[in-house]
N, C-alpha and C. Protein backbone atom coordinates (compact mmCIF):
# COMPACT_ATOMS: atom_id res chain seq x y z
N MET A 1 6.93 -7.66 25.62
CA MET A 1 5.52 -7.68 25.29
C MET A 1 5.18 -9.08 24.79
N LEU A 2 4.10 -9.63 25.31
CA LEU A 2 3.64 -10.95 24.92
C LEU A 2 2.70 -10.82 23.75
N LYS A 3 2.97 -11.55 22.69
CA LYS A 3 2.10 -11.53 21.51
C LYS A 3 1.42 -12.87 21.40
N VAL A 4 0.10 -12.86 21.49
CA VAL A 4 -0.67 -14.08 21.37
C VAL A 4 -1.15 -14.20 19.94
N THR A 5 -0.90 -15.35 19.33
CA THR A 5 -1.34 -15.57 17.96
C THR A 5 -2.32 -16.72 17.93
N VAL A 6 -3.35 -16.57 17.16
CA VAL A 6 -4.39 -17.58 17.05
C VAL A 6 -4.58 -17.93 15.59
N GLY A 7 -4.76 -19.22 15.32
CA GLY A 7 -5.13 -19.63 13.96
C GLY A 7 -4.01 -19.58 12.95
N HIS A 8 -2.78 -19.64 13.41
CA HIS A 8 -1.68 -19.60 12.45
C HIS A 8 -1.46 -20.97 11.83
N SER A 9 -0.85 -20.96 10.69
CA SER A 9 -0.57 -22.19 9.97
C SER A 9 0.48 -23.02 10.70
N PRO A 10 0.63 -24.26 10.31
CA PRO A 10 1.66 -25.09 10.94
C PRO A 10 3.01 -24.40 10.88
N GLY A 11 3.75 -24.54 11.95
CA GLY A 11 5.05 -23.87 12.01
C GLY A 11 4.92 -22.46 12.55
N ALA A 12 3.80 -22.14 13.24
CA ALA A 12 3.63 -20.81 13.80
C ALA A 12 4.87 -20.46 14.60
N GLY A 13 5.25 -19.22 14.58
CA GLY A 13 6.46 -18.78 15.24
C GLY A 13 7.60 -18.64 14.24
N MET A 14 7.51 -19.38 13.16
CA MET A 14 8.49 -19.29 12.10
C MET A 14 7.88 -18.48 10.97
N LYS A 15 8.47 -17.33 10.70
CA LYS A 15 7.95 -16.52 9.60
C LYS A 15 8.38 -17.13 8.28
N ARG A 16 7.51 -16.98 7.30
CA ARG A 16 7.76 -17.54 5.97
C ARG A 16 8.09 -16.44 4.98
N GLU A 17 8.77 -16.83 3.93
CA GLU A 17 9.00 -15.93 2.81
C GLU A 17 7.71 -15.84 2.01
N PHE A 18 7.41 -14.68 1.47
CA PHE A 18 6.20 -14.53 0.66
C PHE A 18 6.23 -15.50 -0.51
N ALA A 19 7.40 -15.71 -1.08
CA ALA A 19 7.55 -16.59 -2.24
C ALA A 19 7.18 -18.03 -1.92
N SER A 20 7.13 -18.41 -0.63
CA SER A 20 6.79 -19.79 -0.27
C SER A 20 5.28 -20.01 -0.13
N LEU A 21 4.50 -18.95 -0.28
CA LEU A 21 3.05 -19.06 -0.08
C LEU A 21 2.37 -19.73 -1.27
N THR A 22 1.25 -20.36 -1.00
CA THR A 22 0.40 -20.89 -2.07
C THR A 22 -0.33 -19.71 -2.70
N PRO A 23 -0.93 -19.89 -3.87
CA PRO A 23 -1.71 -18.79 -4.46
C PRO A 23 -2.81 -18.28 -3.51
N GLN A 24 -3.50 -19.18 -2.83
CA GLN A 24 -4.55 -18.76 -1.89
C GLN A 24 -3.95 -17.92 -0.76
N GLU A 25 -2.84 -18.38 -0.20
CA GLU A 25 -2.20 -17.64 0.89
C GLU A 25 -1.69 -16.28 0.41
N ALA A 26 -1.11 -16.24 -0.79
CA ALA A 26 -0.59 -14.98 -1.32
C ALA A 26 -1.72 -13.95 -1.48
N LEU A 27 -2.84 -14.38 -2.01
CA LEU A 27 -3.97 -13.46 -2.18
C LEU A 27 -4.50 -13.03 -0.81
N HIS A 28 -4.56 -13.94 0.13
CA HIS A 28 -5.03 -13.61 1.48
C HIS A 28 -4.13 -12.56 2.12
N VAL A 29 -2.82 -12.75 2.01
CA VAL A 29 -1.86 -11.79 2.58
C VAL A 29 -1.97 -10.45 1.86
N ALA A 30 -2.18 -10.47 0.54
CA ALA A 30 -2.32 -9.21 -0.21
C ALA A 30 -3.49 -8.38 0.32
N ILE A 31 -4.56 -9.04 0.72
CA ILE A 31 -5.71 -8.34 1.31
C ILE A 31 -5.27 -7.64 2.59
N PHE A 32 -4.52 -8.35 3.43
CA PHE A 32 -4.03 -7.75 4.68
C PHE A 32 -3.10 -6.57 4.41
N ILE A 33 -2.29 -6.66 3.36
CA ILE A 33 -1.38 -5.56 3.02
C ILE A 33 -2.18 -4.31 2.66
N GLU A 34 -3.22 -4.46 1.86
CA GLU A 34 -4.04 -3.30 1.49
C GLU A 34 -4.72 -2.70 2.72
N GLU A 35 -5.23 -3.56 3.60
CA GLU A 35 -5.89 -3.07 4.81
C GLU A 35 -4.89 -2.37 5.74
N ARG A 36 -3.67 -2.94 5.83
CA ARG A 36 -2.63 -2.30 6.65
C ARG A 36 -2.29 -0.92 6.10
N ASN A 37 -2.15 -0.84 4.78
CA ASN A 37 -1.80 0.45 4.19
C ASN A 37 -2.90 1.48 4.38
N ALA A 38 -4.15 1.04 4.28
CA ALA A 38 -5.26 1.96 4.53
C ALA A 38 -5.14 2.53 5.94
N GLU A 39 -4.81 1.70 6.89
CA GLU A 39 -4.68 2.15 8.28
C GLU A 39 -3.47 3.07 8.43
N ILE A 40 -2.35 2.75 7.79
CA ILE A 40 -1.17 3.62 7.86
C ILE A 40 -1.50 4.99 7.29
N TYR A 41 -2.12 5.04 6.11
CA TYR A 41 -2.47 6.33 5.51
C TYR A 41 -3.46 7.09 6.38
N HIS A 42 -4.39 6.39 6.98
CA HIS A 42 -5.35 7.04 7.88
C HIS A 42 -4.61 7.66 9.08
N GLN A 43 -3.66 6.92 9.64
CA GLN A 43 -2.87 7.45 10.76
C GLN A 43 -2.03 8.65 10.33
N PHE A 44 -1.43 8.59 9.13
CA PHE A 44 -0.69 9.74 8.62
C PHE A 44 -1.62 10.95 8.51
N ALA A 45 -2.83 10.73 7.98
CA ALA A 45 -3.79 11.82 7.82
C ALA A 45 -4.14 12.43 9.16
N GLU A 46 -4.42 11.60 10.14
CA GLU A 46 -4.77 12.10 11.48
C GLU A 46 -3.62 12.91 12.07
N LEU A 47 -2.40 12.43 11.88
CA LEU A 47 -1.23 13.13 12.39
C LEU A 47 -1.15 14.54 11.81
N PHE A 48 -1.28 14.66 10.49
CA PHE A 48 -1.16 15.96 9.86
C PHE A 48 -2.36 16.85 10.13
N ALA A 49 -3.53 16.27 10.27
CA ALA A 49 -4.73 17.06 10.56
C ALA A 49 -4.60 17.78 11.90
N GLU A 50 -3.84 17.22 12.81
CA GLU A 50 -3.65 17.82 14.14
C GLU A 50 -2.94 19.17 14.07
N PHE A 51 -2.15 19.41 13.03
CA PHE A 51 -1.41 20.66 12.92
C PHE A 51 -2.29 21.85 12.55
N HIS A 52 -3.36 21.60 11.83
CA HIS A 52 -4.37 22.60 11.46
C HIS A 52 -3.89 23.72 10.54
N ASP A 53 -2.65 23.68 10.04
CA ASP A 53 -2.22 24.70 9.09
C ASP A 53 -2.59 24.22 7.68
N PRO A 54 -2.69 25.13 6.71
CA PRO A 54 -3.16 24.74 5.37
C PRO A 54 -2.33 23.63 4.71
N GLU A 55 -1.00 23.69 4.82
CA GLU A 55 -0.17 22.67 4.19
C GLU A 55 -0.42 21.30 4.81
N SER A 56 -0.49 21.25 6.14
CA SER A 56 -0.73 19.98 6.83
C SER A 56 -2.10 19.43 6.51
N LEU A 57 -3.09 20.30 6.40
CA LEU A 57 -4.44 19.85 6.05
C LEU A 57 -4.49 19.31 4.62
N GLU A 58 -3.69 19.91 3.73
CA GLU A 58 -3.60 19.40 2.35
C GLU A 58 -2.98 18.01 2.34
N ILE A 59 -1.93 17.83 3.13
CA ILE A 59 -1.30 16.52 3.24
C ILE A 59 -2.29 15.51 3.83
N ALA A 60 -2.98 15.91 4.89
CA ALA A 60 -3.96 15.02 5.53
C ALA A 60 -5.03 14.60 4.52
N SER A 61 -5.51 15.54 3.74
CA SER A 61 -6.53 15.24 2.74
C SER A 61 -6.02 14.20 1.74
N THR A 62 -4.79 14.35 1.32
CA THR A 62 -4.18 13.40 0.38
C THR A 62 -4.08 12.02 1.01
N PHE A 63 -3.64 11.96 2.25
CA PHE A 63 -3.52 10.66 2.92
C PHE A 63 -4.90 10.03 3.15
N TRP A 64 -5.93 10.82 3.43
CA TRP A 64 -7.28 10.25 3.57
C TRP A 64 -7.74 9.67 2.23
N ASP A 65 -7.45 10.39 1.12
CA ASP A 65 -7.78 9.86 -0.20
C ASP A 65 -7.10 8.52 -0.43
N MET A 66 -5.82 8.45 -0.07
CA MET A 66 -5.07 7.22 -0.29
C MET A 66 -5.59 6.10 0.61
N ALA A 67 -5.98 6.41 1.85
CA ALA A 67 -6.56 5.40 2.74
C ALA A 67 -7.83 4.82 2.12
N ASN A 68 -8.66 5.70 1.58
CA ASN A 68 -9.89 5.23 0.93
C ASN A 68 -9.60 4.36 -0.28
N GLU A 69 -8.61 4.76 -1.07
CA GLU A 69 -8.23 3.99 -2.25
C GLU A 69 -7.73 2.60 -1.85
N GLU A 70 -6.90 2.53 -0.80
CA GLU A 70 -6.39 1.23 -0.34
C GLU A 70 -7.53 0.35 0.16
N ARG A 71 -8.50 0.94 0.84
CA ARG A 71 -9.66 0.15 1.30
C ARG A 71 -10.42 -0.42 0.11
N GLN A 72 -10.58 0.39 -0.94
CA GLN A 72 -11.26 -0.09 -2.15
C GLN A 72 -10.46 -1.24 -2.78
N HIS A 73 -9.14 -1.11 -2.79
CA HIS A 73 -8.30 -2.16 -3.35
C HIS A 73 -8.44 -3.44 -2.53
N GLY A 74 -8.47 -3.30 -1.21
CA GLY A 74 -8.66 -4.45 -0.34
C GLY A 74 -9.98 -5.15 -0.63
N THR A 75 -11.02 -4.36 -0.87
CA THR A 75 -12.33 -4.92 -1.19
C THR A 75 -12.29 -5.68 -2.51
N LEU A 76 -11.61 -5.13 -3.51
CA LEU A 76 -11.47 -5.82 -4.80
C LEU A 76 -10.73 -7.14 -4.64
N LEU A 77 -9.68 -7.14 -3.83
CA LEU A 77 -8.94 -8.38 -3.61
C LEU A 77 -9.79 -9.39 -2.83
N GLN A 78 -10.59 -8.91 -1.90
CA GLN A 78 -11.49 -9.82 -1.17
C GLN A 78 -12.47 -10.48 -2.14
N LYS A 79 -12.96 -9.71 -3.10
CA LYS A 79 -13.88 -10.27 -4.09
C LYS A 79 -13.16 -11.34 -4.92
N ARG A 80 -11.92 -11.05 -5.34
CA ARG A 80 -11.15 -12.04 -6.09
C ARG A 80 -10.96 -13.30 -5.26
N TYR A 81 -10.65 -13.12 -3.98
CA TYR A 81 -10.45 -14.27 -3.09
C TYR A 81 -11.73 -15.10 -3.03
N PHE A 82 -12.86 -14.45 -2.81
CA PHE A 82 -14.13 -15.16 -2.72
C PHE A 82 -14.47 -15.87 -4.03
N ASP A 83 -14.22 -15.18 -5.16
CA ASP A 83 -14.50 -15.78 -6.47
C ASP A 83 -13.67 -17.05 -6.68
N ARG A 84 -12.44 -17.06 -6.22
CA ARG A 84 -11.55 -18.20 -6.43
C ARG A 84 -11.67 -19.29 -5.37
N TYR A 85 -11.79 -18.86 -4.12
CA TYR A 85 -11.68 -19.82 -3.02
C TYR A 85 -12.94 -19.91 -2.16
N GLY A 86 -13.94 -19.12 -2.51
CA GLY A 86 -15.18 -19.15 -1.74
C GLY A 86 -14.93 -18.82 -0.29
N THR A 87 -15.51 -19.59 0.58
CA THR A 87 -15.34 -19.34 2.02
C THR A 87 -14.29 -20.26 2.63
N ARG A 88 -13.48 -20.87 1.77
CA ARG A 88 -12.41 -21.74 2.26
C ARG A 88 -11.47 -20.91 3.14
N PRO A 89 -11.24 -21.34 4.36
CA PRO A 89 -10.43 -20.52 5.28
C PRO A 89 -8.95 -20.52 4.91
N CYS A 90 -8.31 -19.46 5.33
CA CYS A 90 -6.86 -19.33 5.19
C CYS A 90 -6.39 -18.59 6.44
N SER A 91 -5.51 -19.19 7.19
CA SER A 91 -5.14 -18.59 8.47
C SER A 91 -3.89 -17.71 8.40
N ILE A 92 -3.17 -17.73 7.30
CA ILE A 92 -1.94 -16.94 7.23
C ILE A 92 -2.28 -15.47 7.00
N THR A 93 -1.54 -14.61 7.67
CA THR A 93 -1.70 -13.16 7.51
C THR A 93 -0.33 -12.54 7.23
N GLU A 94 -0.34 -11.26 7.06
CA GLU A 94 0.91 -10.54 6.81
C GLU A 94 1.90 -10.72 7.97
N ASP A 95 1.38 -10.90 9.19
CA ASP A 95 2.24 -11.10 10.35
C ASP A 95 3.05 -12.38 10.27
N ASP A 96 2.62 -13.32 9.42
CA ASP A 96 3.29 -14.61 9.29
C ASP A 96 4.40 -14.62 8.25
N ILE A 97 4.63 -13.51 7.57
CA ILE A 97 5.67 -13.50 6.54
C ILE A 97 6.80 -12.54 6.93
N ARG A 98 7.97 -12.81 6.41
CA ARG A 98 9.16 -12.00 6.71
C ARG A 98 9.22 -10.73 5.90
N ASP A 99 8.73 -10.79 4.69
CA ASP A 99 8.90 -9.68 3.75
C ASP A 99 8.05 -8.48 4.15
N PHE A 100 8.58 -7.30 3.89
CA PHE A 100 7.82 -6.06 4.05
C PHE A 100 7.48 -5.59 2.65
N ILE A 101 6.20 -5.68 2.32
CA ILE A 101 5.76 -5.39 0.96
C ILE A 101 4.89 -4.14 0.97
N GLU A 102 5.23 -3.19 0.12
CA GLU A 102 4.40 -2.01 -0.12
C GLU A 102 4.13 -1.22 1.17
N VAL A 103 5.18 -0.94 1.93
CA VAL A 103 5.00 -0.20 3.17
C VAL A 103 5.22 1.29 2.92
N PRO A 104 4.17 2.12 3.09
CA PRO A 104 4.36 3.57 2.96
C PRO A 104 5.24 4.08 4.10
N ARG A 105 6.22 4.92 3.76
CA ARG A 105 7.14 5.42 4.78
C ARG A 105 7.31 6.92 4.70
N LEU A 106 7.32 7.55 5.86
CA LEU A 106 7.70 8.95 5.97
C LEU A 106 9.19 8.93 6.30
N GLU A 107 10.01 9.43 5.39
CA GLU A 107 11.46 9.37 5.55
C GLU A 107 12.03 10.73 5.97
N ASN A 108 12.97 10.70 6.87
CA ASN A 108 13.80 11.86 7.24
C ASN A 108 13.01 13.11 7.64
N GLY A 109 11.76 12.98 7.94
CA GLY A 109 10.98 14.14 8.34
C GLY A 109 10.82 15.17 7.25
N ASP A 110 11.14 14.82 5.99
CA ASP A 110 11.05 15.79 4.90
C ASP A 110 9.67 16.42 4.81
N ILE A 111 8.66 15.61 4.95
CA ILE A 111 7.32 16.12 4.76
C ILE A 111 6.92 17.09 5.86
N PHE A 112 7.53 16.95 7.05
CA PHE A 112 7.21 17.86 8.15
C PHE A 112 7.76 19.25 7.91
N ALA A 113 8.80 19.34 7.13
CA ALA A 113 9.47 20.61 6.90
C ALA A 113 9.03 21.29 5.61
N ILE A 114 7.97 20.83 4.99
CA ILE A 114 7.58 21.34 3.67
C ILE A 114 7.37 22.85 3.65
N SER A 115 6.75 23.39 4.67
CA SER A 115 6.46 24.82 4.65
C SER A 115 7.73 25.64 4.80
N LYS A 116 8.78 25.04 5.35
CA LYS A 116 10.04 25.77 5.54
C LYS A 116 10.98 25.59 4.36
N LEU A 117 10.91 24.44 3.70
CA LEU A 117 11.88 24.13 2.65
C LEU A 117 11.62 24.82 1.32
N LYS A 118 10.37 24.96 0.97
CA LYS A 118 10.01 25.54 -0.34
C LYS A 118 10.79 24.84 -1.44
N VAL A 119 10.64 23.52 -1.49
CA VAL A 119 11.44 22.70 -2.41
C VAL A 119 10.85 22.62 -3.81
N GLY A 120 9.82 23.37 -4.09
CA GLY A 120 9.24 23.34 -5.42
C GLY A 120 8.17 22.30 -5.59
N ARG A 121 7.86 21.55 -4.54
CA ARG A 121 6.79 20.55 -4.60
C ARG A 121 5.74 20.94 -3.57
N SER A 122 4.51 20.72 -3.93
CA SER A 122 3.42 21.01 -3.00
C SER A 122 3.37 19.94 -1.92
N PRO A 123 2.71 20.24 -0.80
CA PRO A 123 2.54 19.20 0.22
C PRO A 123 1.84 17.96 -0.33
N ARG A 124 0.86 18.18 -1.22
CA ARG A 124 0.14 17.06 -1.81
C ARG A 124 1.10 16.19 -2.64
N GLU A 125 1.99 16.83 -3.40
CA GLU A 125 2.96 16.07 -4.20
C GLU A 125 3.87 15.24 -3.31
N MET A 126 4.31 15.82 -2.20
CA MET A 126 5.20 15.08 -1.30
C MET A 126 4.47 13.88 -0.69
N ALA A 127 3.20 14.03 -0.34
CA ALA A 127 2.42 12.91 0.20
C ALA A 127 2.24 11.84 -0.88
N LEU A 128 1.94 12.26 -2.10
CA LEU A 128 1.76 11.30 -3.19
C LEU A 128 3.06 10.55 -3.50
N GLU A 129 4.20 11.23 -3.36
CA GLU A 129 5.49 10.58 -3.61
C GLU A 129 5.69 9.40 -2.66
N ILE A 130 5.22 9.51 -1.43
CA ILE A 130 5.33 8.42 -0.46
C ILE A 130 4.56 7.21 -0.96
N ALA A 131 3.34 7.45 -1.42
CA ALA A 131 2.50 6.35 -1.91
C ALA A 131 3.06 5.75 -3.20
N ILE A 132 3.51 6.61 -4.11
CA ILE A 132 4.07 6.11 -5.38
C ILE A 132 5.28 5.22 -5.11
N ALA A 133 6.14 5.63 -4.19
CA ALA A 133 7.32 4.82 -3.85
C ALA A 133 6.90 3.45 -3.31
N ALA A 134 5.87 3.41 -2.46
CA ALA A 134 5.40 2.14 -1.91
C ALA A 134 4.84 1.25 -3.02
N GLU A 135 4.03 1.82 -3.91
CA GLU A 135 3.42 1.03 -4.99
C GLU A 135 4.48 0.54 -5.97
N GLN A 136 5.44 1.40 -6.32
CA GLN A 136 6.49 0.98 -7.24
C GLN A 136 7.36 -0.11 -6.63
N GLY A 137 7.59 -0.04 -5.31
CA GLY A 137 8.33 -1.09 -4.63
C GLY A 137 7.58 -2.42 -4.71
N ALA A 138 6.26 -2.37 -4.58
CA ALA A 138 5.45 -3.59 -4.69
C ALA A 138 5.53 -4.16 -6.10
N VAL A 139 5.47 -3.30 -7.11
CA VAL A 139 5.56 -3.77 -8.51
C VAL A 139 6.91 -4.47 -8.72
N ARG A 140 7.98 -3.85 -8.25
CA ARG A 140 9.32 -4.47 -8.40
C ARG A 140 9.38 -5.81 -7.67
N TYR A 141 8.82 -5.87 -6.48
CA TYR A 141 8.84 -7.09 -5.67
C TYR A 141 8.09 -8.22 -6.38
N TYR A 142 6.85 -7.95 -6.81
CA TYR A 142 6.06 -8.98 -7.47
C TYR A 142 6.64 -9.35 -8.83
N THR A 143 7.26 -8.40 -9.52
CA THR A 143 7.91 -8.69 -10.79
C THR A 143 9.05 -9.68 -10.57
N ARG A 144 9.86 -9.43 -9.55
CA ARG A 144 10.96 -10.33 -9.25
C ARG A 144 10.42 -11.73 -8.95
N LEU A 145 9.36 -11.82 -8.14
CA LEU A 145 8.79 -13.12 -7.82
C LEU A 145 8.25 -13.82 -9.07
N SER A 146 7.60 -13.06 -9.94
CA SER A 146 7.04 -13.68 -11.15
C SER A 146 8.14 -14.22 -12.06
N GLU A 147 9.30 -13.59 -12.01
CA GLU A 147 10.41 -14.02 -12.86
C GLU A 147 11.12 -15.26 -12.32
N ILE A 148 11.09 -15.45 -11.00
CA ILE A 148 11.85 -16.56 -10.43
C ILE A 148 11.00 -17.79 -10.08
N THR A 149 9.69 -17.63 -9.97
CA THR A 149 8.87 -18.78 -9.59
C THR A 149 8.71 -19.75 -10.76
N GLU A 150 8.69 -21.02 -10.42
CA GLU A 150 8.49 -22.04 -11.45
C GLU A 150 7.04 -22.51 -11.47
N ASP A 151 6.28 -22.16 -10.43
CA ASP A 151 4.87 -22.57 -10.32
C ASP A 151 4.02 -21.64 -11.19
N GLN A 152 3.37 -22.20 -12.20
CA GLN A 152 2.60 -21.40 -13.15
C GLN A 152 1.44 -20.67 -12.48
N GLU A 153 0.74 -21.32 -11.55
CA GLU A 153 -0.39 -20.67 -10.87
C GLU A 153 0.09 -19.48 -10.04
N LEU A 154 1.22 -19.64 -9.35
CA LEU A 154 1.77 -18.53 -8.58
C LEU A 154 2.23 -17.41 -9.51
N ARG A 155 2.87 -17.77 -10.63
CA ARG A 155 3.30 -16.75 -11.59
C ARG A 155 2.09 -15.92 -12.05
N THR A 156 0.96 -16.60 -12.29
CA THR A 156 -0.26 -15.90 -12.70
C THR A 156 -0.74 -14.96 -11.60
N VAL A 157 -0.72 -15.41 -10.35
CA VAL A 157 -1.14 -14.57 -9.23
C VAL A 157 -0.21 -13.36 -9.11
N TYR A 158 1.10 -13.59 -9.20
CA TYR A 158 2.05 -12.48 -9.10
C TYR A 158 1.83 -11.46 -10.22
N ARG A 159 1.55 -11.95 -11.42
CA ARG A 159 1.31 -11.03 -12.54
C ARG A 159 0.02 -10.23 -12.32
N GLU A 160 -0.98 -10.86 -11.70
CA GLU A 160 -2.19 -10.12 -11.35
C GLU A 160 -1.87 -9.03 -10.33
N PHE A 161 -1.00 -9.36 -9.36
CA PHE A 161 -0.59 -8.36 -8.38
C PHE A 161 0.17 -7.22 -9.05
N ILE A 162 1.01 -7.56 -10.02
CA ILE A 162 1.76 -6.53 -10.76
C ILE A 162 0.76 -5.60 -11.45
N ASP A 163 -0.22 -6.16 -12.13
CA ASP A 163 -1.24 -5.34 -12.80
C ASP A 163 -2.00 -4.49 -11.80
N PHE A 164 -2.35 -5.09 -10.68
CA PHE A 164 -3.10 -4.39 -9.64
C PHE A 164 -2.29 -3.22 -9.09
N GLU A 165 -1.04 -3.48 -8.72
CA GLU A 165 -0.19 -2.42 -8.16
C GLU A 165 0.17 -1.38 -9.22
N SER A 166 0.31 -1.81 -10.46
CA SER A 166 0.55 -0.84 -11.55
C SER A 166 -0.66 0.08 -11.70
N GLY A 167 -1.85 -0.47 -11.52
CA GLY A 167 -3.05 0.36 -11.53
C GLY A 167 -3.04 1.38 -10.41
N HIS A 168 -2.57 0.96 -9.23
CA HIS A 168 -2.44 1.90 -8.11
C HIS A 168 -1.47 3.02 -8.49
N THR A 169 -0.33 2.61 -9.07
CA THR A 169 0.69 3.58 -9.44
C THR A 169 0.15 4.56 -10.48
N ASP A 170 -0.57 4.05 -11.48
CA ASP A 170 -1.15 4.93 -12.51
C ASP A 170 -2.12 5.93 -11.88
N TRP A 171 -2.98 5.46 -10.97
CA TRP A 171 -3.94 6.34 -10.29
C TRP A 171 -3.20 7.43 -9.52
N LEU A 172 -2.13 7.04 -8.81
CA LEU A 172 -1.37 8.02 -8.03
C LEU A 172 -0.63 9.00 -8.94
N GLN A 173 -0.11 8.51 -10.06
CA GLN A 173 0.58 9.42 -10.98
C GLN A 173 -0.39 10.43 -11.61
N LYS A 174 -1.63 9.99 -11.84
CA LYS A 174 -2.64 10.95 -12.32
C LYS A 174 -2.92 12.00 -11.25
N LYS A 175 -2.99 11.55 -10.00
CA LYS A 175 -3.19 12.49 -8.88
C LYS A 175 -2.00 13.45 -8.81
N MET A 176 -0.80 12.94 -9.05
CA MET A 176 0.40 13.77 -9.02
C MET A 176 0.34 14.81 -10.14
N ALA A 177 -0.06 14.40 -11.32
CA ALA A 177 -0.19 15.35 -12.44
C ALA A 177 -1.21 16.44 -12.10
N ASP A 178 -2.32 16.04 -11.50
CA ASP A 178 -3.32 17.03 -11.07
C ASP A 178 -2.73 17.98 -10.04
N ALA A 179 -1.96 17.45 -9.09
CA ALA A 179 -1.35 18.28 -8.05
C ALA A 179 -0.37 19.27 -8.66
N ARG A 180 0.34 18.83 -9.69
CA ARG A 180 1.31 19.73 -10.33
C ARG A 180 0.64 20.84 -11.12
N ARG A 181 -0.61 20.58 -11.56
CA ARG A 181 -1.36 21.63 -12.26
C ARG A 181 -2.08 22.54 -11.29
N THR A 182 -2.03 22.20 -10.02
CA THR A 182 -2.75 22.97 -9.01
C THR A 182 -1.72 23.73 -8.16
N GLN A 183 -1.99 24.96 -7.92
CA GLN A 183 -1.10 25.74 -7.07
C GLN A 183 -1.99 26.54 -6.13
N GLY A 184 -1.76 26.37 -4.85
CA GLY A 184 -2.54 27.12 -3.86
C GLY A 184 -4.02 26.80 -3.89
N GLY A 185 -4.36 25.59 -4.34
CA GLY A 185 -5.76 25.17 -4.35
C GLY A 185 -6.53 25.66 -5.57
N THR A 186 -5.87 26.35 -6.49
CA THR A 186 -6.55 26.85 -7.68
C THR A 186 -6.00 26.13 -8.90
N LYS A 187 -6.88 25.58 -9.69
CA LYS A 187 -6.44 24.90 -10.91
C LYS A 187 -5.85 25.89 -11.89
N LEU A 188 -4.72 25.52 -12.44
CA LEU A 188 -4.10 26.34 -13.48
C LEU A 188 -4.45 25.74 -14.83
N ALA A 189 -4.59 26.56 -15.85
CA ALA A 189 -4.95 26.06 -17.19
C ALA A 189 -3.75 25.50 -17.88
């Protein structure tokens, strides 16, 4: 498959480490990460909605919620980018870096077997676990970068990302607590 790339930074064809990015590039890539995740969650939702059974529809609903949340996060990061850099262009995207940051993953088909396994977790909890794992991975990644970088401006950007992703994690953990108080769609006291 031929991949045509337009507007890449010097050295196109050579992927860069996220840690090598400037603060402007890091923020630009973070916007792409949020947009990518919104699309992944939307695709997960569409996949589960096709099954039409109650558990799959519950999972789809959770993934649609997460897609919307990621879009909102992308919008917030775009505002930060505009506030700091105005309309100054930046051509680097997530495709230009080697690192895989905050990628939601469906592992081992566990979530597909929820109705058969009766593992003590609701379908919503299992969907939220996927998102929490992605967000926690991002927090660990940015924490590591903030600890090893010597550039103060980059350290500040990484710490902002840590706060941002920690906020995502807190929001998801609240959703998880709500899911644990809910059984069969009825709130328990």
